[in-house]
Each structure stands twice: as C-alpha cells, then as structure tokens.
C-alpha atoms as a PDB file:
ATOM      1  CA  MET A   1      -0.030   0.021   0.005  1.00  0.00           C
ATOM      2  CA  TYR A   2       1.549   3.419  -1.011  1.00  0.00           C
ATOM      3  CA  LEU A   3       0.510   6.717   0.342  1.00  0.00           C
ATOM      4  CA  SER A   4       1.958   9.677  -1.436  1.00  0.00           C
ATOM      5  CA  PHE A   5       1.832  13.694  -0.905  1.00  0.00           C
ATOM      6  CA  SER A   6       2.448  15.873  -3.833  1.00  0.00           C
ATOM      7  CA  TYR A   7       2.835  19.434  -4.895  1.00  0.00           C
ATOM      8  CA  GLY A   8       2.079  20.454  -8.246  1.00  0.00           C
ATOM      9  CA  ALA A   9       0.923  23.143 -10.732  1.00  0.00           C
ATOM     10  CA  ASP A  10      -1.292  23.354 -13.738  1.00  0.00           C
ATOM     11  CA  GLN A  11       0.867  23.598 -17.051  1.00  0.00           C
ATOM     12  CA  ASN A  12      -1.776  25.144 -19.147  1.00  0.00           C
ATOM     13  CA  LEU A  13      -2.360  28.993 -18.551  1.00  0.00           C
ATOM     14  CA  GLU A  14      -4.793  29.112 -21.671  1.00  0.00           C
ATOM     15  CA  LYS A  15      -8.332  28.525 -20.212  1.00  0.00           C
ATOM     16  CA  SER A  16     -11.619  28.881 -22.203  1.00  0.00           C
ATOM     17  CA  ASP A  17     -12.740  32.204 -20.731  1.00  0.00           C
ATOM     18  CA  LYS A  18      -9.018  33.771 -20.011  1.00  0.00           C
ATOM     19  CA  ILE A  19      -5.486  33.474 -19.955  1.00  0.00           C
ATOM     20  CA  LEU A  20      -4.008  33.159 -16.564  1.00  0.00           C
ATOM     21  CA  SER A  21      -0.879  35.702 -15.462  1.00  0.00           C
ATOM     22  CA  THR A  22      -0.334  33.351 -12.648  1.00  0.00           C
ATOM     23  CA  THR A  23       0.274  29.488 -12.626  1.00  0.00           C
ATOM     24  CA  PRO A  24      -2.111  27.741 -10.220  1.00  0.00           C
ATOM     25  CA  THR A  25      -0.778  25.385  -7.749  1.00  0.00           C
ATOM     26  CA  LEU A  26      -2.153  22.222  -6.148  1.00  0.00           C
ATOM     27  CA  LEU A  27      -1.534  20.111  -3.290  1.00  0.00           C
ATOM     28  CA  SER A  28      -2.529  16.220  -3.688  1.00  0.00           C
ATOM     29  CA  VAL A  29      -3.138  13.137  -1.564  1.00  0.00           C
ATOM     30  CA  THR A  30      -2.901   9.428  -3.254  1.00  0.00           C
ATOM     31  CA  PHE A  31      -3.451   6.163  -1.847  1.00  0.00           C
ATOM     32  CA  GLU A  32      -2.668   3.063  -4.121  1.00  0.00           C
ATOM     33  CA  LYS A  33      -2.755  -0.814  -3.398  1.00  0.00           C
ATOM     34  CA  ARG A  34      -1.308  -3.243  -5.910  1.00  0.00           C
ATOM     35  CA  LEU A  35      -3.671  -5.865  -6.715  1.00  0.00           C
ATOM     36  CA  PRO A  36      -3.526  -9.303  -4.892  1.00  0.00           C
ATOM     37  CA  ASN A  37      -1.269 -11.698  -6.787  1.00  0.00           C
ATOM     38  CA  SER A  38      -0.188  -9.157  -9.429  1.00  0.00           C
ATOM     39  CA  ASP A  39       3.362  -7.117  -9.395  1.00  0.00           C
ATOM     40  CA  PHE A  40       2.039  -4.742 -12.158  1.00  0.00           C
ATOM     41  CA  TYR A  41      -1.588  -3.500 -11.501  1.00  0.00           C
ATOM     42  CA  GLY A  42      -2.965  -1.557  -9.045  1.00  0.00           C
ATOM     43  CA  LEU A  43      -6.214   0.564  -7.869  1.00  0.00           C
ATOM     44  CA  GLY A  44      -6.121   3.832  -5.863  1.00  0.00           C
ATOM     45  CA  LEU A  45      -7.735   7.031  -5.207  1.00  0.00           C
ATOM     46  CA  HIS A  46      -6.354  10.493  -6.024  1.00  0.00           C
ATOM     47  CA  ALA A  47      -7.462  13.723  -4.471  1.00  0.00           C
ATOM     48  CA  TYR A  48      -6.145  16.998  -5.099  1.00  0.00           C
ATOM     49  CA  ARG A  49      -7.154  20.819  -4.416  1.00  0.00           C
ATOM     50  CA  PHE A  50      -5.615  24.108  -5.904  1.00  0.00           C
ATOM     51  CA  ILE A  51      -4.208  26.485  -3.404  1.00  0.00           C
ATOM     52  CA  LYS A  52      -3.492  29.332  -5.663  1.00  0.00           C
ATOM     53  CA  VAL A  53      -5.358  31.151  -8.344  1.00  0.00           C
ATOM     54  CA  PHE A  54      -8.373  28.846  -8.205  1.00  0.00           C
ATOM     55  CA  ASP A  55     -10.627  29.115  -5.080  1.00  0.00           C
ATOM     56  CA  ASN A  56     -12.630  25.996  -3.954  1.00  0.00           C
ATOM     57  CA  TYR A  57     -11.570  23.741  -6.688  1.00  0.00           C
ATOM     58  CA  ASN A  58     -11.294  20.037  -5.636  1.00  0.00           C
ATOM     59  CA  HIS A  59     -10.905  16.886  -7.463  1.00  0.00           C
ATOM     60  CA  LEU A  60     -11.489  13.101  -6.372  1.00  0.00           C
ATOM     61  CA  SER A  61     -10.958  10.060  -8.746  1.00  0.00           C
ATOM     62  CA  LEU A  62     -10.691   6.236  -8.751  1.00  0.00           C
ATOM     63  CA  ARG A  63      -7.348   5.347 -10.607  1.00  0.00           C
ATOM     64  CA  GLY A  64      -6.242   2.333 -12.477  1.00  0.00           C
ATOM     65  CA  TYR A  65      -2.296   1.643 -12.558  1.00  0.00           C
ATOM     66  CA  GLN A  66      -0.184  -0.392 -14.890  1.00  0.00           C
ATOM     67  CA  HIS A  67       3.483  -0.532 -13.441  1.00  0.00           C
ATOM     68  CA  PHE A  68       6.528  -1.711 -15.102  1.00  0.00           C
ATOM     69  CA  GLY A  69       8.724  -2.325 -11.976  1.00  0.00           C
ATOM     70  CA  TYR A  70       8.167  -5.064  -9.438  1.00  0.00           C
ATOM     71  CA  ALA A  71       6.724  -4.551  -6.151  1.00  0.00           C
ATOM     72  CA  VAL A  72       8.535  -6.780  -3.981  1.00  0.00           C
ATOM     73  CA  ASP A  73      12.082  -6.818  -5.885  1.00  0.00           C
ATOM     74  CA  ALA A  74      14.835  -4.015  -4.972  1.00  0.00           C
ATOM     75  CA  SER A  75      16.404  -4.229  -8.497  1.00  0.00           C
ATOM     76  CA  GLY A  76      12.942  -3.278 -10.205  1.00  0.00           C
ATOM     77  CA  GLY A  77      10.726  -2.173  -7.412  1.00  0.00           C
ATOM     78  CA  ASN A  78      12.943   0.753  -6.300  1.00  0.00           C
ATOM     79  CA  PHE A  79      12.584   2.365  -9.908  1.00  0.00           C
ATOM     80  CA  ASP A  80       8.893   2.029 -10.946  1.00  0.00           C
ATOM     81  CA  PRO A  81       7.400   3.626 -13.855  1.00  0.00           C
ATOM     82  CA  TYR A  82       3.796   3.640 -14.427  1.00  0.00           C
ATOM     83  CA  ILE A  83       1.012   4.753 -16.712  1.00  0.00           C
ATOM     84  CA  GLY A  84      -2.782   4.884 -15.741  1.00  0.00           C
ATOM     85  CA  ALA A  85      -6.333   6.346 -16.467  1.00  0.00           C
ATOM     86  CA  PHE A  86      -8.898   7.621 -13.675  1.00  0.00           C
ATOM     87  CA  VAL A  87     -12.378   8.527 -13.722  1.00  0.00           C
ATOM     88  CA  GLY A  88     -14.047  11.108 -10.711  1.00  0.00           C
ATOM     89  CA  GLY A  89     -15.353  14.268 -10.317  1.00  0.00           C
ATOM     90  CA  GLU A  90     -14.393  17.852  -9.684  1.00  0.00           C
ATOM     91  CA  VAL A  91     -16.220  20.327  -7.723  1.00  0.00           C
ATOM     92  CA  PHE A  92     -15.883  24.131  -8.506  1.00  0.00           C
ATOM     93  CA  GLN A  93     -17.376  26.852  -6.357  1.00  0.00           C
ATOM     94  CA  GLY A  94     -20.271  24.341  -5.452  1.00  0.00           C
ATOM     95  CA  SER A  95     -20.735  22.758  -8.951  1.00  0.00           C
ATOM     96  CA  PHE A  96     -19.872  19.202  -9.732  1.00  0.00           C
ATOM     97  CA  ASN A  97     -18.573  17.958 -13.091  1.00  0.00           C
ATOM     98  CA  PRO A  98     -17.296  14.550 -14.197  1.00  0.00           C
ATOM     99  CA  ALA A  99     -13.695  13.997 -14.859  1.00  0.00           C
ATOM    100  CA  VAL A 100     -11.579  11.776 -16.714  1.00  0.00           C
ATOM    101  CA  GLY A 101      -7.834  11.602 -17.660  1.00  0.00           C
ATOM    102  CA  ILE A 102      -4.621   9.612 -17.946  1.00  0.00           C
ATOM    103  CA  PHE A 103      -1.533   9.886 -16.106  1.00  0.00           C
ATOM    104  CA  ILE A 104       2.434   8.710 -16.459  1.00  0.00           C
ATOM    105  CA  GLY A 105       4.884   8.843 -13.580  1.00  0.00           C
ATOM    106  CA  LEU A 106       8.000   7.467 -11.765  1.00  0.00           C
ATOM    107  CA  ARG A 107       8.000   6.482  -8.141  1.00  0.00           C
ATOM    108  CA  THR A 108      11.564   5.862  -6.651  1.00  0.00           C
ATOM    109  CA  MET A 109      11.880   4.111  -3.466  1.00  0.00           C
ATOM    110  CA  VAL A 110      15.128   5.110  -1.414  1.00  0.00           C
ATOM    111  CA  THR A 111      14.324   2.710   1.439  1.00  0.00           C
ATOM    112  CA  GLN A 112      11.805   0.076   2.047  1.00  0.00           C
ATOM    113  CA  THR A 113       9.181   2.672   3.138  1.00  0.00           C
ATOM    114  CA  ALA A 114      10.169   6.147   1.810  1.00  0.00           C
ATOM    115  CA  GLY A 115      10.572   7.395  -1.497  1.00  0.00           C
ATOM    116  CA  PHE A 116       9.594  10.209  -4.029  1.00  0.00           C
ATOM    117  CA  HIS A 117       7.712  10.376  -7.173  1.00  0.00           C
ATOM    118  CA  PHE A 118       7.039  12.534 -10.285  1.00  0.00           C
ATOM    119  CA  GLU A 119       3.722  12.431 -12.381  1.00  0.00           C
ATOM    120  CA  PHE A 120       2.380  14.194 -15.299  1.00  0.00           C
ATOM    121  CA  ILE A 121      -1.474  14.135 -15.672  1.00  0.00           C
ATOM    122  CA  SER A 122      -3.777  15.202 -18.481  1.00  0.00           C
ATOM    123  CA  THR A 123      -7.252  15.564 -17.224  1.00  0.00           C
ATOM    124  CA  SER A 124     -10.706  16.758 -18.902  1.00  0.00           C
ATOM    125  CA  SER A 125     -13.897  18.159 -17.101  1.00  0.00           C
ATOM    126  CA  GLY A 126     -16.479  20.591 -17.639  1.00  0.00           C
ATOM    127  CA  PHE A 127     -14.242  23.099 -15.724  1.00  0.00           C
ATOM    128  CA  ASN A 128     -10.849  22.376 -16.861  1.00  0.00           C
ATOM    129  CA  SER A 129      -9.200  20.595 -19.472  1.00  0.00           C
ATOM    130  CA  THR A 130      -5.242  20.710 -18.560  1.00  0.00           C
ATOM    131  CA  SER A 131      -1.941  19.119 -17.918  1.00  0.00           C
ATOM    132  CA  LEU A 132      -0.866  18.964 -14.449  1.00  0.00           C
ATOM    133  CA  LEU A 133       2.812  18.148 -13.368  1.00  0.00           C
ATOM    134  CA  GLN A 134       3.115  16.997  -9.750  1.00  0.00           C
ATOM    135  CA  PHE A 135       6.151  15.730  -7.488  1.00  0.00           C
ATOM    136  CA  GLY A 136       6.118  14.566  -3.729  1.00  0.00           C
ATOM    137  CA  LEU A 137       7.064  11.852  -1.107  1.00  0.00           C
ATOM    138  CA  THR A 138       5.726   8.312  -1.127  1.00  0.00           C
ATOM    139  CA  THR A 139       5.806   5.922   1.653  1.00  0.00           C
ATOM    140  CA  CYS A 140       5.029   2.085   1.458  1.00  0.00           C
ATOM    141  CA  PHE A 141       2.999   0.374   4.490  1.00  0.00           C
ATOM    142  CA  MET A 142       4.053  -3.132   5.429  1.00  0.00           C
ATOM    143  CA  LYS A 143       1.809  -5.804   7.123  1.00  0.00           C
ATOM    144  CA  SER A 144       3.768  -5.734  10.236  1.00  0.00           C
ATOM    145  CA  GLU A 145       2.932  -2.082  10.650  1.00  0.00           C
ATOM    146  CA  PHE A 146      -0.864  -2.884  10.258  1.00  0.00           C
ATOM    147  CA  PRO A 147      -1.481  -6.420  11.686  1.00  0.00           C
ATOM    148  CA  LYS A 148      -4.976  -6.549  10.613  1.00  0.00           C
ATOM    149  CA  LEU A 149      -4.012  -6.270   7.112  1.00  0.00           C
ATOM    150  CA  LYS A 150      -1.813  -9.612   6.920  1.00  0.00           C
ATOM    151  CA  LYS A 151      -3.832 -11.011   4.021  1.00  0.00           C
ATOM    152  CA  TRP A 152      -2.643  -8.055   1.880  1.00  0.00           C
ATOM    153  CA  GLY A 153       1.055  -9.391   2.339  1.00  0.00           C
ATOM    154  CA  ASN A 154       4.111  -7.445   2.293  1.00  0.00           C
ATOM    155  CA  ARG A 155       4.346  -5.589  -0.876  1.00  0.00           C
ATOM    156  CA  CYS A 156       6.940  -2.885  -0.191  1.00  0.00           C
ATOM    157  CA  PRO A 157      10.253  -3.243  -2.147  1.00  0.00           C
ATOM    158  CA  LYS A 158      12.918  -4.957  -0.371  1.00  0.00           C
END
C-alpha cells in the first residue's frame, strides 16, 4: 500500500474564458494498493485541491495503474515507472462535473518504506482541461505495521 503527498502546478495557462497570468498550484494525496497476486496492476484514490489562483476547486478520482517495476524486488521495485487512467469528479465553487484523464509517473523508493515520485497528468472536465505536473514523497506500508491487514502481504520493495 502506497501513500503519496504531492505539490504540483497546472501547466496550461490558456483557459476557455481567459489566459491566466499566474500558474495555479495544487496539493494532492494519493493512496494505491497493488492488486493481490499482481506485481503490475493497482487501484487507487487520488485527491487534489488548488491552493493558488483557483478557490474551492477540488478533485477526487478512482485510478487504475499499470506498473513496469516489481513491487517486491529491489532491482525493479525501487525504480517503478507507471501509467494509468482515472475517472472521478471535480467540484468548483459548489458545482460538480465528472472528470476523466490519464497519467504517467515514476516512483523511486530510496528505502523500503520511503521514496519520491514525479507524475504528469492530463485531465478533462467541464471546468478545466489541462496538464498537471506534480512531485512529492511516497511511503509504503507493510503488514507488520498494520497486523489486521496481513492478508494483503508485504508488497514494499526489499
């Protein structure tokens, strides 16, 4: 199970109603779980909130991952490129719109439980079609830290 915290920015300053003079920035949190008996697929939740330029703009989505690094092998799991797609929704100033998109990223685990990641996201909704670039810290939780989750196994890089 991976938990990531990120800082990012909207790379598209040309919006449908105006051209922005300041880059919108955001904070995000992502939770991902590799599927049982699979080193290459995962499901996750992703949420972000703009903290600059846009007020009251929130995003929540369900993600599907395709990994190219092994979850339990230090030679491949510590350098883990991935791609994926998501479906979710965005709320802006009290109004909701569905959102879809794709992403590509790279997760590097420096130790068994701590690392960092970079991610490029292309998203589209009724409010905003844009490209986001984000980076942040990642942690991996193991079964020993959560005894009730033993059936999930130890899926952190060794």
